[in-house]
Amino acid sequence: MTEELTRFVYRIRHQTSYQYSLPVRLSHQMLHLTPRTLPWQRCLSHQVNVAPAPQLVRSYEDNFGNVIKSFSLDTDHTSLEVHADSLVELTPRQVPGDTMSWEEAAMLTSYQGARPLSPDMLDASNFMFESSHVRIKREFIQYAAQCFRPGTSVVEGVRTLMWRIFEEFSFDPEATTVSTPVTEVFVNRRGVCQDFAHLMLSCLRSIGLPARYVSGYLLTEPPPGQPRLIGADASHAWVSVYCPGIDGASGAWIDADPTNGIFPDTGHITLGWGRDFLDLSPLRGVLIGGGQQEMQVAVTVMPNDEAGELAFSI
C-alpha cells in the first residue's frame, strides 16, 4: 500500500509599490513571481494584479524554465502597484543519502572535448562558471577545502559548507546592498540571504561543482503567543548543487540554505533558479521619466488554513 504523503498548502502575497516624483511616460517590466511546479511542489493558482492596468501581460519561460510575466505601460503614471497571489502545495522531500565523492562529481561535470553530455549534465553545465555576482577565486577554493576533504561525499561536503557559513557569518540587513561584491561579503562576514547564497555558489563553483541560485520564500513563525504579521515576510534565497547520478542514473540537485543552516523542505517555496540574483530579480524593468522613486515591498507567507479574506484583499 502506498503511504499517503503529508501535504502543506501555503498562500503567498508579494506586494511591490513604486511612487514616482515625476510622471512615468513609458514603463517596461518583467516579473519573476510565479512559483515553479516541481516533484515536491505544485502551484495550485497564481494571479498578478497591476495598477494602473496594462493592456497586455505576456507570459513565457526563460532559458532556465522559469515563468516570466512582462507588461508595458505607455500612459503617464506616478505610482505602480504589483500584487502577486499564489497558492502552493508542498510535500516532504528527502536529502539524497548515497552520493559519490565530490572529486568524482567534479571530474564528471568538467569539460572534456568530444564527450557527449546527457540532458541533465548539459543543464548543469550552465551553473559552473562565474556570473555577475558569483566569482571563481583561490580564496573560495581554500575556504571550501576545509569542508570538501578528500573522499568526502557531495552531500556531506554541502552540509559542512552550509553549516560553516551559517556559523561564521552574521545576518545584517544594513551591511550590504544588491550590488555588494561577494568578495566584500567574504571579508566582512556580514550580509543577507542573497549574499550568503552568492558566497556558497562561489565556493562550490570554484571547486568544480555546478550550483545554481534559488529564489523563493520561507515560512516564518511568529513568536509564541503573537499573531502572524501581514506583510512582514520577505523573499528568500538559497542554493542548489548538482550531483551526477550513480551507476548511470539521472543526477540530483541538492538544495541547501546557508542563511539558516538547513536543507530546505516543506517550509521553502521555490519561485525559480538561475546563475545568480540578476537572473531572478522579482521585478525588473526600464522606464522613461519618473524622477526620484520610492519602493516598498511587503511579503506574506502563511498556511492556507490561517489565511482569511481580509489578509489577502487588495
Protein backbone atom coordinates (compact mmCIF):
# COMPACT_ATOMS: atom_id res chain seq x y z
CA MET A 1 0.00 0.00 0.00
CA THR A 2 1.35 3.45 -0.94
CA GLU A 3 1.95 5.70 2.04
CA GLU A 4 -0.02 8.96 1.87
CA LEU A 5 2.30 11.97 1.87
CA THR A 6 1.70 14.86 4.24
CA ARG A 7 0.74 17.94 2.25
CA PHE A 8 1.25 21.57 3.18
CA VAL A 9 -0.66 24.35 1.42
CA TYR A 10 0.50 27.97 1.64
CA ARG A 11 -0.81 31.29 0.43
CA ILE A 12 1.76 33.85 -0.66
CA ARG A 13 1.18 37.51 -1.39
CA HIS A 14 4.05 39.58 -2.80
CA GLN A 15 3.21 43.30 -2.94
CA THR A 16 5.51 45.84 -4.63
CA SER A 17 4.70 49.56 -4.65
CA TYR A 18 6.53 52.33 -6.51
CA GLN A 19 5.96 56.06 -6.02
CA TYR A 20 7.49 58.48 -8.53
CA SER A 21 8.23 62.20 -8.03
CA LEU A 22 7.51 62.87 -11.72
CA PRO A 23 5.17 61.12 -14.17
CA VAL A 24 6.49 57.99 -15.86
CA ARG A 25 5.76 58.15 -19.59
CA LEU A 26 6.75 54.59 -20.51
CA SER A 27 7.48 51.53 -18.35
CA HIS A 28 8.55 48.02 -19.39
CA GLN A 29 8.64 45.47 -16.53
CA MET A 30 9.49 41.77 -16.10
CA LEU A 31 8.21 39.72 -13.13
CA HIS A 32 9.74 36.57 -11.62
CA LEU A 33 6.88 35.86 -9.21
CA THR A 34 5.36 32.58 -10.47
CA PRO A 35 6.19 29.51 -8.31
CA ARG A 36 7.61 26.56 -10.24
CA THR A 37 5.96 23.17 -10.44
CA LEU A 38 8.37 20.54 -9.10
CA PRO A 39 8.19 16.92 -7.89
CA TRP A 40 7.60 18.20 -4.33
CA GLN A 41 5.76 21.43 -5.18
CA ARG A 42 2.55 22.27 -7.07
CA CYS A 43 1.39 25.75 -7.92
CA LEU A 44 -2.36 25.45 -7.43
CA SER A 45 -3.15 29.01 -8.50
CA HIS A 46 -1.31 32.20 -9.36
CA GLN A 47 -2.58 35.66 -10.19
CA VAL A 48 -0.90 39.02 -10.76
CA ASN A 49 -2.76 42.34 -10.46
CA VAL A 50 -1.14 45.54 -11.75
CA ALA A 51 -2.32 49.11 -11.24
CA PRO A 52 -2.51 51.07 -13.46
CA ALA A 53 -3.69 48.12 -15.53
CA PRO A 54 -1.60 47.32 -18.61
CA GLN A 55 -3.36 46.42 -21.83
CA LEU A 56 -1.43 43.17 -22.19
CA VAL A 57 0.51 40.87 -19.83
CA ARG A 58 2.70 38.30 -21.60
CA SER A 59 3.81 35.02 -20.04
CA TYR A 60 6.78 32.96 -21.24
CA GLU A 61 9.69 30.85 -19.98
CA ASP A 62 13.31 31.95 -19.74
CA ASN A 63 16.34 29.75 -20.53
CA PHE A 64 16.10 28.07 -17.12
CA GLY A 65 12.41 27.18 -17.36
CA ASN A 66 11.24 29.93 -15.00
CA VAL A 67 7.95 31.61 -15.84
CA ILE A 68 8.27 35.33 -16.62
CA LYS A 69 5.38 37.74 -16.87
CA SER A 70 6.04 41.02 -18.67
CA PHE A 71 3.97 44.12 -19.31
CA SER A 72 4.26 47.67 -20.60
CA LEU A 73 2.56 50.91 -19.56
CA ASP A 74 2.54 53.76 -22.08
CA THR A 75 0.28 56.17 -20.21
CA ASP A 76 1.54 58.69 -17.66
CA HIS A 77 1.53 57.39 -14.09
CA THR A 78 3.08 58.45 -10.77
CA SER A 79 2.67 55.13 -8.98
CA LEU A 80 2.85 51.43 -9.79
CA GLU A 81 1.35 48.58 -7.75
CA VAL A 82 2.11 44.91 -8.45
CA HIS A 83 0.33 42.29 -6.32
CA ALA A 84 1.11 38.61 -6.90
CA ASP A 85 -1.05 36.00 -5.13
CA SER A 86 -0.11 32.31 -5.18
CA LEU A 87 -1.49 29.12 -3.67
CA VAL A 88 1.19 26.40 -3.42
CA GLU A 89 1.15 22.80 -2.18
CA LEU A 90 4.32 21.15 -0.86
CA THR A 91 5.17 17.59 0.15
CA PRO A 92 8.25 16.49 2.14
CA ARG A 93 11.46 15.80 0.21
CA GLN A 94 14.46 13.76 1.21
CA VAL A 95 18.12 14.74 1.05
CA PRO A 96 19.99 12.13 -1.06
CA GLY A 97 21.83 9.79 1.24
CA ASP A 98 24.12 7.92 -1.18
CA THR A 99 26.13 10.36 -3.28
CA MET A 100 29.53 9.97 -4.92
CA SER A 101 32.65 11.75 -3.72
CA TRP A 102 32.90 15.41 -4.63
CA GLU A 103 36.11 14.77 -6.60
CA GLU A 104 34.35 12.25 -8.84
CA ALA A 105 31.38 14.57 -9.26
CA ALA A 106 33.65 17.47 -10.25
CA MET A 107 35.51 15.24 -12.71
CA LEU A 108 32.29 14.01 -14.35
CA THR A 109 30.92 17.53 -14.76
CA SER A 110 34.18 19.05 -16.03
CA TYR A 111 34.63 19.85 -19.70
CA GLN A 112 36.14 17.06 -21.77
CA GLY A 113 36.36 17.53 -25.53
CA ALA A 114 34.20 15.30 -27.75
CA ARG A 115 32.43 13.75 -24.74
CA PRO A 116 28.63 13.79 -25.19
CA LEU A 117 26.65 15.10 -22.25
CA SER A 118 23.32 13.76 -21.02
CA PRO A 119 20.47 16.32 -20.89
CA ASP A 120 20.76 16.78 -17.10
CA MET A 121 24.56 17.19 -17.32
CA LEU A 122 24.12 19.72 -20.12
CA ASP A 123 21.65 21.65 -17.99
CA ALA A 124 24.03 21.57 -15.02
CA SER A 125 26.86 22.99 -17.15
CA ASN A 126 25.03 26.34 -17.18
CA PHE A 127 25.90 26.75 -13.50
CA MET A 128 29.64 26.03 -13.43
CA PHE A 129 31.11 29.41 -14.28
CA GLU A 130 31.42 32.95 -12.99
CA SER A 131 28.40 35.23 -13.31
CA SER A 132 27.61 38.81 -12.32
CA HIS A 133 27.54 38.08 -8.56
CA VAL A 134 29.50 34.81 -8.35
CA ARG A 135 33.29 34.60 -8.53
CA ILE A 136 35.73 31.73 -9.01
CA LYS A 137 38.76 32.61 -6.91
CA ARG A 138 41.57 30.97 -4.95
CA GLU A 139 40.27 32.21 -1.57
CA PHE A 140 36.94 30.46 -2.16
CA ILE A 141 38.74 27.21 -3.05
CA GLN A 142 40.69 27.46 0.21
CA TYR A 143 37.56 28.18 2.25
CA ALA A 144 35.67 25.25 0.73
CA ALA A 145 38.64 22.88 1.07
CA GLN A 146 38.07 22.52 4.82
CA CYS A 147 34.56 21.22 4.08
CA PHE A 148 35.32 19.12 1.00
CA ARG A 149 38.19 16.96 2.18
CA PRO A 150 39.47 14.06 0.04
CA GLY A 151 36.81 11.36 -0.33
CA THR A 152 34.00 13.45 1.17
CA SER A 153 30.64 12.80 -0.46
CA VAL A 154 28.89 15.64 -2.24
CA VAL A 155 26.03 15.81 0.25
CA GLU A 156 28.34 15.79 3.30
CA GLY A 157 30.55 18.48 1.80
CA VAL A 158 27.50 20.62 1.04
CA ARG A 159 26.20 20.09 4.59
CA THR A 160 29.54 21.11 6.16
CA LEU A 161 29.97 24.19 3.95
CA MET A 162 26.38 25.28 4.62
CA TRP A 163 26.87 24.97 8.37
CA ARG A 164 30.22 26.77 8.26
CA ILE A 165 28.71 29.80 6.50
CA PHE A 166 25.75 29.74 8.92
CA GLU A 167 28.07 29.74 11.94
CA GLU A 168 30.75 32.18 10.75
CA PHE A 169 28.66 34.87 9.02
CA SER A 170 26.21 37.28 10.66
CA PHE A 171 22.83 38.25 9.21
CA ASP A 172 22.89 42.04 8.89
CA PRO A 173 20.45 43.82 6.51
CA GLU A 174 22.41 47.06 6.86
CA ALA A 175 25.77 45.59 5.84
CA THR A 176 25.19 45.14 2.10
CA THR A 177 23.17 46.24 -0.92
CA VAL A 178 22.15 44.27 -4.02
CA SER A 179 25.41 45.40 -5.68
CA THR A 180 27.85 44.50 -2.87
CA PRO A 181 30.60 42.22 -4.31
CA VAL A 182 30.74 38.70 -2.90
CA THR A 183 34.45 39.25 -2.14
CA GLU A 184 33.47 42.09 0.21
CA VAL A 185 30.88 39.87 1.92
CA PHE A 186 33.58 37.23 2.38
CA VAL A 187 35.92 39.71 4.09
CA ASN A 188 33.34 41.42 6.31
CA ARG A 189 31.47 38.21 7.27
CA ARG A 190 28.10 40.01 7.19
CA GLY A 191 25.15 40.15 4.82
CA VAL A 192 21.73 38.73 3.98
CA CYS A 193 20.44 35.54 2.38
CA GLN A 194 21.26 36.74 -1.14
CA ASP A 195 24.88 37.39 -0.10
CA PHE A 196 25.28 34.02 1.62
CA ALA A 197 23.85 32.24 -1.42
CA HIS A 198 26.33 34.03 -3.71
CA LEU A 199 29.16 33.15 -1.33
CA MET A 200 28.26 29.47 -1.21
CA LEU A 201 27.89 29.40 -5.00
CA SER A 202 31.34 30.96 -5.36
CA CYS A 203 32.83 28.24 -3.14
CA LEU A 204 31.07 25.39 -4.94
CA ARG A 205 31.81 26.57 -8.47
CA SER A 206 35.41 27.33 -7.52
CA ILE A 207 35.97 23.64 -6.70
CA GLY A 208 34.22 22.49 -9.87
CA LEU A 209 30.70 21.67 -8.67
CA PRO A 210 27.74 23.07 -10.65
CA ALA A 211 25.47 25.10 -8.39
CA ARG A 212 22.55 27.42 -9.02
CA TYR A 213 20.92 30.32 -7.19
CA VAL A 214 17.37 29.56 -5.98
CA SER A 215 14.84 32.29 -5.28
CA GLY A 216 11.69 31.76 -3.24
CA TYR A 217 10.01 32.25 0.09
CA LEU A 218 10.49 30.90 3.60
CA LEU A 219 7.65 30.25 6.02
CA THR A 220 8.49 32.11 9.21
CA GLU A 221 6.81 31.51 12.55
CA PRO A 222 5.74 34.40 14.83
CA PRO A 223 6.94 34.47 18.45
CA PRO A 224 4.89 32.26 20.80
CA GLY A 225 1.57 33.87 21.66
CA GLN A 226 1.79 36.55 18.96
CA PRO A 227 -0.22 36.70 15.71
CA ARG A 228 1.36 36.32 12.31
CA LEU A 229 2.08 39.78 10.86
CA ILE A 230 0.74 40.54 7.39
CA GLY A 231 3.44 41.81 5.03
CA ALA A 232 6.32 41.14 7.43
CA ASP A 233 7.97 38.30 5.48
CA ALA A 234 10.50 38.65 2.66
CA SER A 235 11.84 36.89 -0.37
CA HIS A 236 14.46 34.28 0.41
CA ALA A 237 17.42 32.77 -1.42
CA TRP A 238 19.41 29.56 -1.16
CA VAL A 239 21.50 27.30 -3.41
CA SER A 240 21.11 24.01 -5.25
CA VAL A 241 24.11 21.77 -6.01
CA TYR A 242 24.25 19.20 -8.79
CA CYS A 243 25.49 15.67 -8.14
CA PRO A 244 25.79 13.31 -11.13
CA GLY A 245 23.85 10.07 -10.96
CA ILE A 246 25.35 6.89 -9.59
CA ASP A 247 25.66 3.93 -11.98
CA GLY A 248 24.19 5.83 -14.91
CA ALA A 249 21.15 7.15 -13.05
CA SER A 250 19.95 10.71 -13.52
CA GLY A 251 21.70 13.30 -11.41
CA ALA A 252 20.18 15.01 -8.38
CA TRP A 253 20.01 18.64 -7.29
CA ILE A 254 20.61 19.13 -3.56
CA ASP A 255 19.16 22.32 -2.05
CA ALA A 256 20.96 23.97 0.87
CA ASP A 257 20.09 27.11 2.85
CA PRO A 258 23.27 28.65 4.33
CA THR A 259 21.34 31.53 5.95
CA ASN A 260 19.54 29.09 8.25
CA GLY A 261 21.91 26.11 8.14
CA ILE A 262 19.25 23.67 6.93
CA PHE A 263 18.34 21.56 3.91
CA PRO A 264 15.11 23.11 2.52
CA ASP A 265 11.94 21.08 2.96
CA THR A 266 8.26 21.98 3.37
CA GLY A 267 8.97 25.49 4.66
CA HIS A 268 10.75 26.65 1.49
CA ILE A 269 8.64 27.68 -1.53
CA THR A 270 10.59 27.79 -4.81
CA LEU A 271 10.00 30.55 -7.33
CA GLY A 272 12.84 29.72 -9.71
CA TRP A 273 16.58 29.45 -10.25
CA GLY A 274 19.39 30.98 -12.25
CA ARG A 275 23.09 31.78 -12.20
CA ASP A 276 22.66 34.46 -9.51
CA PHE A 277 20.25 37.12 -8.26
CA LEU A 278 20.20 39.06 -11.53
CA ASP A 279 18.53 36.14 -13.31
CA LEU A 280 15.68 36.17 -10.77
CA SER A 281 15.05 39.72 -9.64
CA PRO A 282 11.34 39.69 -8.60
CA LEU A 283 10.56 42.85 -10.56
CA ARG A 284 12.94 44.39 -13.04
CA GLY A 285 12.49 46.83 -15.87
CA VAL A 286 13.20 50.15 -17.55
CA LEU A 287 11.23 53.37 -17.63
CA ILE A 288 11.23 56.84 -19.14
CA GLY A 289 10.60 59.66 -16.71
CA GLY A 290 9.71 59.23 -13.06
CA GLY A 291 12.36 61.38 -11.41
CA GLN A 292 13.13 60.05 -7.95
CA GLN A 293 11.38 56.84 -6.94
CA GLU A 294 10.49 55.11 -3.68
CA MET A 295 9.85 51.39 -3.49
CA GLN A 296 8.12 49.36 -0.78
CA VAL A 297 7.84 45.57 -0.69
CA ALA A 298 5.58 43.51 1.58
CA VAL A 299 5.52 39.71 1.52
CA THR A 300 3.15 37.44 3.41
CA VAL A 301 3.56 33.66 3.62
CA MET A 302 1.05 31.70 5.69
CA PRO A 303 -0.58 28.27 5.88
CA ASN A 304 -3.79 28.24 3.87
CA ASP A 305 -5.92 27.40 6.91
CA GLU A 306 -4.77 30.68 8.55
CA ALA A 307 -5.40 32.89 5.52
CA GLY A 308 -8.63 34.89 5.57
CA GLU A 309 -10.23 37.14 3.02
CA LEU A 310 -9.14 40.26 4.89
CA ALA A 311 -5.46 39.29 4.91
CA PHE A 312 -5.33 38.85 1.15
CA SER A 313 -7.67 41.54 -0.07
CA ILE A 314 -6.22 44.29 -2.28
